[in-house]
Amino acid sequence: MEAILLVWGVRDEVLRGLPVEGHWLYGEYDFIAKVEFGSNVEMEEFEKTLRHLIDGGRFKLMPVKISGLKREGGENETSILENVGIKAVP
């Protein structure tokens, strides 16, 4: 399972302490990262960790659903974005 993490309105020290690698942004959001989880339970534990690190819950964790097709002739088409849903909104 993959998700996109967006963080805003936090100090640089908080961003440096996040348990994921990502990119700092300048604008509405301060940080973006792609995160991967083995299960929903793992994602929920990650959310709990974020809530402790980011006071006020100023983040969105948006699971990304990906589909794939196998066509006749052996061609495969993957990584088609079907839906992005917001998992955690403060």
PDB file of N, CA and C in Angstrom:
ATOM      1  N   MET A   1       0.844  -1.160   0.000  1.00  0.00           N
ATOM      2  CA  MET A   1       0.000   0.000   0.000  1.00  0.00           C
ATOM      3  C   MET A   1       0.899   1.234   0.000  1.00  0.00           C
ATOM      4  N   GLU A   2       0.590   2.177  -0.875  1.00  0.00           N
ATOM      5  CA  GLU A   2       1.334   3.419  -0.948  1.00  0.00           C
ATOM      6  C   GLU A   2       0.438   4.563  -0.525  1.00  0.00           C
ATOM      7  N   ALA A   3       1.071   5.620   0.003  1.00  0.00           N
ATOM      8  CA  ALA A   3       0.330   6.808   0.401  1.00  0.00           C
ATOM      9  C   ALA A   3       1.218   8.025   0.191  1.00  0.00           C
ATOM     10  N   ILE A   4       0.583   9.164   0.066  1.00  0.00           N
ATOM     11  CA  ILE A   4       1.274  10.448  -0.030  1.00  0.00           C
ATOM     12  C   ILE A   4       1.068  11.164   1.298  1.00  0.00           C
ATOM     13  N   LEU A   5       2.170  11.653   1.868  1.00  0.00           N
ATOM     14  CA  LEU A   5       2.125  12.404   3.114  1.00  0.00           C
ATOM     15  C   LEU A   5       2.372  13.870   2.803  1.00  0.00           C
ATOM     16  N   LEU A   6       1.465  14.743   3.240  1.00  0.00           N
ATOM     17  CA  LEU A   6       1.622  16.188   3.131  1.00  0.00           C
ATOM     18  C   LEU A   6       1.621  16.771   4.535  1.00  0.00           C
ATOM     19  N   VAL A   7       2.548  17.689   4.806  1.00  0.00           N
ATOM     20  CA  VAL A   7       2.662  18.324   6.123  1.00  0.00           C
ATOM     21  C   VAL A   7       2.721  19.829   5.916  1.00  0.00           C
ATOM     22  N   TRP A   8       2.079  20.574   6.805  1.00  0.00           N
ATOM     23  CA  TRP A   8       2.101  22.033   6.714  1.00  0.00           C
ATOM     24  C   TRP A   8       2.113  22.659   8.105  1.00  0.00           C
ATOM     25  N   GLY A   9       2.587  23.892   8.175  1.00  0.00           N
ATOM     26  CA  GLY A   9       2.508  24.688   9.388  1.00  0.00           C
ATOM     27  C   GLY A   9       3.322  24.175  10.560  1.00  0.00           C
ATOM     28  N   VAL A  10       4.463  23.555  10.298  1.00  0.00           N
ATOM     29  CA  VAL A  10       5.305  23.051  11.386  1.00  0.00           C
ATOM     30  C   VAL A  10       6.705  23.652  11.257  1.00  0.00           C
ATOM     31  N   ARG A  11       7.450  23.600  12.335  1.00  0.00           N
ATOM     32  CA  ARG A  11       8.802  24.135  12.361  1.00  0.00           C
ATOM     33  C   ARG A  11       9.758  23.185  11.636  1.00  0.00           C
ATOM     34  N   ASP A  12      10.878  23.741  11.220  1.00  0.00           N
ATOM     35  CA  ASP A  12      11.893  22.948  10.516  1.00  0.00           C
ATOM     36  C   ASP A  12      12.384  21.776  11.358  1.00  0.00           C
ATOM     37  N   GLU A  13      12.491  21.969  12.670  1.00  0.00           N
ATOM     38  CA  GLU A  13      12.957  20.903  13.554  1.00  0.00           C
ATOM     39  C   GLU A  13      12.028  19.690  13.500  1.00  0.00           C
ATOM     40  N   VAL A  14      10.735  19.962  13.382  1.00  0.00           N
ATOM     41  CA  VAL A  14       9.747  18.875  13.293  1.00  0.00           C
ATOM     42  C   VAL A  14       9.928  18.131  11.977  1.00  0.00           C
ATOM     43  N   LEU A  15      10.105  18.869  10.890  1.00  0.00           N
ATOM     44  CA  LEU A  15      10.291  18.232   9.581  1.00  0.00           C
ATOM     45  C   LEU A  15      11.541  17.367   9.567  1.00  0.00           C
ATOM     46  N   ARG A  16      12.603  17.827  10.210  1.00  0.00           N
ATOM     47  CA  ARG A  16      13.836  17.043  10.268  1.00  0.00           C
ATOM     48  C   ARG A  16      13.653  15.758  11.072  1.00  0.00           C
ATOM     49  N   GLY A  17      12.709  15.764  12.015  1.00  0.00           N
ATOM     50  CA  GLY A  17      12.479  14.606  12.866  1.00  0.00           C
ATOM     51  C   GLY A  17      11.497  13.592  12.326  1.00  0.00           C
ATOM     52  N   LEU A  18      10.931  13.846  11.143  1.00  0.00           N
ATOM     53  CA  LEU A  18       9.970  12.905  10.565  1.00  0.00           C
ATOM     54  C   LEU A  18      10.668  11.594  10.210  1.00  0.00           C
ATOM     55  N   PRO A  19       9.984  10.466  10.414  1.00  0.00           N
ATOM     56  CA  PRO A  19      10.604   9.155  10.175  1.00  0.00           C
ATOM     57  C   PRO A  19      10.567   8.703   8.715  1.00  0.00           C
ATOM     58  N   VAL A  20      10.454   9.645   7.781  1.00  0.00           N
ATOM     59  CA  VAL A  20      10.428   9.314   6.354  1.00  0.00           C
ATOM     60  C   VAL A  20      11.295  10.305   5.591  1.00  0.00           C
ATOM     61  N   GLU A  21      11.740   9.876   4.424  1.00  0.00           N
ATOM     62  CA  GLU A  21      12.457  10.777   3.534  1.00  0.00           C
ATOM     63  C   GLU A  21      11.463  11.357   2.553  1.00  0.00           C
ATOM     64  N   GLY A  22      11.607  12.642   2.291  1.00  0.00           N
ATOM     65  CA  GLY A  22      10.705  13.297   1.360  1.00  0.00           C
ATOM     66  C   GLY A  22      11.322  14.582   0.861  1.00  0.00           C
ATOM     67  N   HIS A  23      10.476  15.502   0.459  1.00  0.00           N
ATOM     68  CA  HIS A  23      10.930  16.754  -0.125  1.00  0.00           C
ATOM     69  C   HIS A  23      10.287  17.929   0.601  1.00  0.00           C
ATOM     70  N   TRP A  24      11.099  18.922   0.892  1.00  0.00           N
ATOM     71  CA  TRP A  24      10.585  20.151   1.480  1.00  0.00           C
ATOM     72  C   TRP A  24       9.960  20.978   0.373  1.00  0.00           C
ATOM     73  N   LEU A  25       8.858  21.624   0.691  1.00  0.00           N
ATOM     74  CA  LEU A  25       8.134  22.434  -0.281  1.00  0.00           C
ATOM     75  C   LEU A  25       8.060  23.875   0.207  1.00  0.00           C
ATOM     76  N   TYR A  26       7.777  24.757  -0.703  1.00  0.00           N
ATOM     77  CA  TYR A  26       7.578  26.164  -0.357  1.00  0.00           C
ATOM     78  C   TYR A  26       6.240  26.577  -0.943  1.00  0.00           C
ATOM     79  N   GLY A  27       5.297  26.846  -0.088  1.00  0.00           N
ATOM     80  CA  GLY A  27       3.953  27.191  -0.527  1.00  0.00           C
ATOM     81  C   GLY A  27       2.943  26.747   0.509  1.00  0.00           C
ATOM     82  N   GLU A  28       1.834  26.210   0.052  1.00  0.00           N
ATOM     83  CA  GLU A  28       0.764  25.786   0.960  1.00  0.00           C
ATOM     84  C   GLU A  28       1.222  24.657   1.883  1.00  0.00           C
ATOM     85  N   TYR A  29       2.015  23.743   1.361  1.00  0.00           N
ATOM     86  CA  TYR A  29       2.524  22.625   2.153  1.00  0.00           C
ATOM     87  C   TYR A  29       4.023  22.796   2.376  1.00  0.00           C
ATOM     88  N   ASP A  30       4.514  22.249   3.496  1.00  0.00           N
ATOM     89  CA  ASP A  30       5.934  22.352   3.832  1.00  0.00           C
ATOM     90  C   ASP A  30       6.729  21.108   3.456  1.00  0.00           C
ATOM     91  N   PHE A  31       6.046  19.971   3.291  1.00  0.00           N
ATOM     92  CA  PHE A  31       6.750  18.703   3.098  1.00  0.00           C
ATOM     93  C   PHE A  31       5.851  17.727   2.368  1.00  0.00           C
ATOM     94  N   ILE A  32       6.452  16.917   1.488  1.00  0.00           N
ATOM     95  CA  ILE A  32       5.731  15.852   0.799  1.00  0.00           C
ATOM     96  C   ILE A  32       6.616  14.613   0.758  1.00  0.00           C
ATOM     97  N   ALA A  33       5.998  13.449   0.928  1.00  0.00           N
ATOM     98  CA  ALA A  33       6.739  12.192   0.861  1.00  0.00           C
ATOM     99  C   ALA A  33       5.821  11.085   0.371  1.00  0.00           C
ATOM    100  N   LYS A  34       6.412  10.131  -0.307  1.00  0.00           N
ATOM    101  CA  LYS A  34       5.711   8.894  -0.670  1.00  0.00           C
ATOM    102  C   LYS A  34       6.099   7.865   0.383  1.00  0.00           C
ATOM    103  N   VAL A  35       5.106   7.247   0.999  1.00  0.00           N
ATOM    104  CA  VAL A  35       5.366   6.243   2.029  1.00  0.00           C
ATOM    105  C   VAL A  35       4.695   4.935   1.638  1.00  0.00           C
ATOM    106  N   GLU A  36       5.296   3.826   2.052  1.00  0.00           N
ATOM    107  CA  GLU A  36       4.761   2.506   1.729  1.00  0.00           C
ATOM    108  C   GLU A  36       4.504   1.735   3.011  1.00  0.00           C
ATOM    109  N   PHE A  37       3.420   0.975   3.019  1.00  0.00           N
ATOM    110  CA  PHE A  37       3.020   0.189   4.179  1.00  0.00           C
ATOM    111  C   PHE A  37       2.683  -1.230   3.744  1.00  0.00           C
ATOM    112  N   GLY A  38       2.923  -2.172   4.653  1.00  0.00           N
ATOM    113  CA  GLY A  38       2.590  -3.561   4.391  1.00  0.00           C
ATOM    114  C   GLY A  38       1.142  -3.887   4.701  1.00  0.00           C
ATOM    115  N   SER A  39       0.494  -3.045   5.519  1.00  0.00           N
ATOM    116  CA  SER A  39      -0.896  -3.306   5.906  1.00  0.00           C
ATOM    117  C   SER A  39      -1.528  -2.023   6.436  1.00  0.00           C
ATOM    118  N   ASN A  40      -2.841  -2.076   6.620  1.00  0.00           N
ATOM    119  CA  ASN A  40      -3.549  -0.945   7.214  1.00  0.00           C
ATOM    120  C   ASN A  40      -3.100  -0.700   8.643  1.00  0.00           C
ATOM    121  N   VAL A  41      -2.801  -1.768   9.365  1.00  0.00           N
ATOM    122  CA  VAL A  41      -2.341  -1.647  10.753  1.00  0.00           C
ATOM    123  C   VAL A  41      -1.033  -0.860  10.801  1.00  0.00           C
ATOM    124  N   GLU A  42      -0.137  -1.163   9.886  1.00  0.00           N
ATOM    125  CA  GLU A  42       1.138  -0.449   9.820  1.00  0.00           C
ATOM    126  C   GLU A  42       0.913   1.038   9.528  1.00  0.00           C
ATOM    127  N   MET A  43      -0.031   1.341   8.636  1.00  0.00           N
ATOM    128  CA  MET A  43      -0.339   2.732   8.321  1.00  0.00           C
ATOM    129  C   MET A  43      -0.939   3.442   9.529  1.00  0.00           C
ATOM    130  N   GLU A  44      -1.809   2.772  10.265  1.00  0.00           N
ATOM    131  CA  GLU A  44      -2.409   3.368  11.460  1.00  0.00           C
ATOM    132  C   GLU A  44      -1.351   3.652  12.533  1.00  0.00           C
ATOM    133  N   GLU A  45      -0.374   2.765  12.684  1.00  0.00           N
ATOM    134  CA  GLU A  45       0.723   2.997  13.630  1.00  0.00           C
ATOM    135  C   GLU A  45       1.554   4.204  13.204  1.00  0.00           C
ATOM    136  N   PHE A  46       1.773   4.337  11.897  1.00  0.00           N
ATOM    137  CA  PHE A  46       2.501   5.483  11.378  1.00  0.00           C
ATOM    138  C   PHE A  46       1.745   6.776  11.678  1.00  0.00           C
ATOM    139  N   GLU A  47       0.424   6.754  11.521  1.00  0.00           N
ATOM    140  CA  GLU A  47      -0.402   7.929  11.832  1.00  0.00           C
ATOM    141  C   GLU A  47      -0.263   8.319  13.298  1.00  0.00           C
ATOM    142  N   LYS A  48      -0.263   7.336  14.183  1.00  0.00           N
ATOM    143  CA  LYS A  48      -0.104   7.616  15.611  1.00  0.00           C
ATOM    144  C   LYS A  48       1.243   8.282  15.876  1.00  0.00           C
ATOM    145  N   THR A  49       2.285   7.779  15.225  1.00  0.00           N
ATOM    146  CA  THR A  49       3.614   8.376  15.371  1.00  0.00           C
ATOM    147  C   THR A  49       3.606   9.819  14.899  1.00  0.00           C
ATOM    148  N   LEU A  50       2.968  10.065  13.754  1.00  0.00           N
ATOM    149  CA  LEU A  50       2.893  11.432  13.233  1.00  0.00           C
ATOM    150  C   LEU A  50       2.145  12.358  14.180  1.00  0.00           C
ATOM    151  N   ARG A  51       1.064  11.875  14.763  1.00  0.00           N
ATOM    152  CA  ARG A  51       0.280  12.715  15.679  1.00  0.00           C
ATOM    153  C   ARG A  51       1.099  13.128  16.897  1.00  0.00           C
ATOM    154  N   HIS A  52       2.027  12.278  17.326  1.00  0.00           N
ATOM    155  CA  HIS A  52       2.905  12.632  18.451  1.00  0.00           C
ATOM    156  C   HIS A  52       3.970  13.638  18.025  1.00  0.00           C
ATOM    157  N   LEU A  53       4.456  13.502  16.791  1.00  0.00           N
ATOM    158  CA  LEU A  53       5.508  14.391  16.299  1.00  0.00           C
ATOM    159  C   LEU A  53       4.985  15.745  15.840  1.00  0.00           C
ATOM    160  N   ILE A  54       3.820  15.722  15.217  1.00  0.00           N
ATOM    161  CA  ILE A  54       3.254  16.937  14.622  1.00  0.00           C
ATOM    162  C   ILE A  54       2.099  17.396  15.482  1.00  0.00           C
ATOM    163  N   ASP A  55       2.368  18.321  16.356  1.00  0.00           N
ATOM    164  CA  ASP A  55       1.348  18.839  17.258  1.00  0.00           C
ATOM    165  C   ASP A  55       0.221  19.486  16.454  1.00  0.00           C
ATOM    166  N   GLY A  56      -0.997  19.147  16.761  1.00  0.00           N
ATOM    167  CA  GLY A  56      -2.135  19.709  16.054  1.00  0.00           C
ATOM    168  C   GLY A  56      -2.543  18.923  14.827  1.00  0.00           C
ATOM    169  N   GLY A  57      -1.827  17.852  14.509  1.00  0.00           N
ATOM    170  CA  GLY A  57      -2.218  17.002  13.382  1.00  0.00           C
ATOM    171  C   GLY A  57      -2.238  17.710  12.053  1.00  0.00           C
ATOM    172  N   ARG A  58      -1.265  18.570  11.785  1.00  0.00           N
ATOM    173  CA  ARG A  58      -1.251  19.322  10.527  1.00  0.00           C
ATOM    174  C   ARG A  58      -0.611  18.492   9.425  1.00  0.00           C
ATOM    175  N   PHE A  59      -1.303  17.422   9.062  1.00  0.00           N
ATOM    176  CA  PHE A  59      -0.837  16.563   7.972  1.00  0.00           C
ATOM    177  C   PHE A  59      -2.009  15.859   7.337  1.00  0.00           C
ATOM    178  N   LYS A  60      -1.775  15.402   6.121  1.00  0.00           N
ATOM    179  CA  LYS A  60      -2.720  14.544   5.407  1.00  0.00           C
ATOM    180  C   LYS A  60      -1.950  13.315   4.973  1.00  0.00           C
ATOM    181  N   LEU A  61      -2.528  12.166   5.192  1.00  0.00           N
ATOM    182  CA  LEU A  61      -1.975  10.912   4.716  1.00  0.00           C
ATOM    183  C   LEU A  61      -2.995  10.332   3.749  1.00  0.00           C
ATOM    184  N   MET A  62      -2.658  10.325   2.468  1.00  0.00           N
ATOM    185  CA  MET A  62      -3.620   9.972   1.426  1.00  0.00           C
ATOM    186  C   MET A  62      -3.219   8.678   0.735  1.00  0.00           C
ATOM    187  N   PRO A  63      -3.923   7.575   1.030  1.00  0.00           N
ATOM    188  CA  PRO A  63      -3.636   6.309   0.335  1.00  0.00           C
ATOM    189  C   PRO A  63      -3.885   6.448  -1.163  1.00  0.00           C
ATOM    190  N   VAL A  64      -3.040   5.818  -1.938  1.00  0.00           N
ATOM    191  CA  VAL A  64      -3.154   5.852  -3.395  1.00  0.00           C
ATOM    192  C   VAL A  64      -3.489   4.451  -3.867  1.00  0.00           C
ATOM    193  N   LYS A  65      -4.547   4.336  -4.630  1.00  0.00           N
ATOM    194  CA  LYS A  65      -4.934   3.048  -5.199  1.00  0.00           C
ATOM    195  C   LYS A  65      -4.390   2.972  -6.618  1.00  0.00           C
ATOM    196  N   ILE A  66      -3.721   1.877  -6.916  1.00  0.00           N
ATOM    197  CA  ILE A  66      -3.105   1.695  -8.225  1.00  0.00           C
ATOM    198  C   ILE A  66      -3.668   0.430  -8.863  1.00  0.00           C
ATOM    199  N   SER A  67      -3.929   0.497 -10.147  1.00  0.00           N
ATOM    200  CA  SER A  67      -4.437  -0.679 -10.851  1.00  0.00           C
ATOM    201  C   SER A  67      -3.454  -1.096 -11.935  1.00  0.00           C
ATOM    202  N   GLY A  68      -3.683  -2.248 -12.469  1.00  0.00           N
ATOM    203  CA  GLY A  68      -2.851  -2.723 -13.560  1.00  0.00           C
ATOM    204  C   GLY A  68      -3.682  -3.536 -14.528  1.00  0.00           C
ATOM    205  N   LEU A  69      -3.269  -3.554 -15.776  1.00  0.00           N
ATOM    206  CA  LEU A  69      -3.953  -4.307 -16.814  1.00  0.00           C
ATOM    207  C   LEU A  69      -2.970  -5.219 -17.518  1.00  0.00           C
ATOM    208  N   LYS A  70      -3.428  -6.403 -17.871  1.00  0.00           N
ATOM    209  CA  LYS A  70      -2.634  -7.284 -18.721  1.00  0.00           C
ATOM    210  C   LYS A  70      -3.427  -7.460 -20.010  1.00  0.00           C
ATOM    211  N   ARG A  71      -2.864  -6.981 -21.085  1.00  0.00           N
ATOM    212  CA  ARG A  71      -3.558  -7.000 -22.375  1.00  0.00           C
ATOM    213  C   ARG A  71      -3.135  -8.210 -23.189  1.00  0.00           C
ATOM    214  N   GLU A  72      -3.954  -8.507 -24.174  1.00  0.00           N
ATOM    215  CA  GLU A  72      -3.606  -9.583 -25.086  1.00  0.00           C
ATOM    216  C   GLU A  72      -2.303  -9.230 -25.786  1.00  0.00           C
ATOM    217  N   GLY A  73      -1.483 -10.197 -26.020  1.00  0.00           N
ATOM    218  CA  GLY A  73      -0.199  -9.943 -26.652  1.00  0.00           C
ATOM    219  C   GLY A  73       0.914  -9.743 -25.636  1.00  0.00           C
ATOM    220  N   GLY A  74       0.605  -9.855 -24.347  1.00  0.00           N
ATOM    221  CA  GLY A  74       1.625  -9.792 -23.320  1.00  0.00           C
ATOM    222  C   GLY A  74       1.995  -8.408 -22.828  1.00  0.00           C
ATOM    223  N   GLU A  75       1.372  -7.359 -23.345  1.00  0.00           N
ATOM    224  CA  GLU A  75       1.687  -6.015 -22.862  1.00  0.00           C
ATOM    225  C   GLU A  75       1.036  -5.788 -21.504  1.00  0.00           C
ATOM    226  N   ASN A  76       1.801  -5.226 -20.580  1.00  0.00           N
ATOM    227  CA  ASN A  76       1.289  -4.897 -19.252  1.00  0.00           C
ATOM    228  C   ASN A  76       1.233  -3.391 -19.080  1.00  0.00           C
ATOM    229  N   GLU A  77       0.189  -2.921 -18.491  1.00  0.00           N
ATOM    230  CA  GLU A  77       0.043  -1.498 -18.199  1.00  0.00           C
ATOM    231  C   GLU A  77      -0.195  -1.381 -16.697  1.00  0.00           C
ATOM    232  N   THR A  78       0.653  -0.665 -16.003  1.00  0.00           N
ATOM    233  CA  THR A  78       0.549  -0.567 -14.556  1.00  0.00           C
ATOM    234  C   THR A  78       0.617   0.885 -14.107  1.00  0.00           C
ATOM    235  N   SER A  79       0.450   1.065 -12.797  1.00  0.00           N
ATOM    236  CA  SER A  79       0.569   2.366 -12.152  1.00  0.00           C
ATOM    237  C   SER A  79      -0.430   3.384 -12.684  1.00  0.00           C
ATOM    238  N   ILE A  80      -1.652   2.960 -12.837  1.00  0.00           N
ATOM    239  CA  ILE A  80      -2.710   3.869 -13.240  1.00  0.00           C
ATOM    240  C   ILE A  80      -3.394   4.356 -11.977  1.00  0.00           C
ATOM    241  N   LEU A  81      -3.368   5.663 -11.752  1.00  0.00           N
ATOM    242  CA  LEU A  81      -3.991   6.217 -10.556  1.00  0.00           C
ATOM    243  C   LEU A  81      -5.497   6.165 -10.699  1.00  0.00           C
ATOM    244  N   GLU A  82      -6.146   5.434  -9.787  1.00  0.00           N
ATOM    245  CA  GLU A  82      -7.592   5.330  -9.798  1.00  0.00           C
ATOM    246  C   GLU A  82      -8.214   6.299  -8.805  1.00  0.00           C
ATOM    247  N   ASN A  83      -7.593   6.411  -7.643  1.00  0.00           N
ATOM    248  CA  ASN A  83      -8.239   7.164  -6.583  1.00  0.00           C
ATOM    249  C   ASN A  83      -7.203   7.576  -5.542  1.00  0.00           C
ATOM    250  N   VAL A  84      -7.321   8.759  -5.039  1.00  0.00           N
ATOM    251  CA  VAL A  84      -6.541   9.199  -3.892  1.00  0.00           C
ATOM    252  C   VAL A  84      -7.543   9.579  -2.830  1.00  0.00           C
ATOM    253  N   GLY A  85      -7.498   8.890  -1.701  1.00  0.00           N
ATOM    254  CA  GLY A  85      -8.428   9.185  -0.628  1.00  0.00           C
ATOM    255  C   GLY A  85      -7.686   9.709   0.588  1.00  0.00           C
ATOM    256  N   ILE A  86      -8.270  10.654   1.267  1.00  0.00           N
ATOM    257  CA  ILE A  86      -7.627  11.217   2.451  1.00  0.00           C
ATOM    258  C   ILE A  86      -7.875  10.296   3.637  1.00  0.00           C
ATOM    259  N   LYS A  87      -6.821   9.800   4.240  1.00  0.00           N
ATOM    260  CA  LYS A  87      -6.907   8.882   5.368  1.00  0.00           C
ATOM    261  C   LYS A  87      -6.989   9.633   6.691  1.00  0.00           C
ATOM    262  N   ALA A  88      -6.173  10.674   6.844  1.00  0.00           N
ATOM    263  CA  ALA A  88      -6.136  11.404   8.104  1.00  0.00           C
ATOM    264  C   ALA A  88      -6.183  12.889   7.827  1.00  0.00           C
ATOM    265  N   VAL A  89      -7.207  13.521   8.285  1.00  0.00           N
ATOM    266  CA  VAL A  89      -7.338  14.964   8.143  1.00  0.00           C
ATOM    267  C   VAL A  89      -7.517  15.543   9.542  1.00  0.00           C
ATOM    268  N   PRO A  90      -6.729  16.539   9.869  1.00  0.00           N
ATOM    269  CA  PRO A  90      -6.865  17.112  11.213  1.00  0.00           C
ATOM    270  C   PRO A  90      -8.194  17.807  11.400  1.00  0.00           C
TER     271      PRO A  90
END
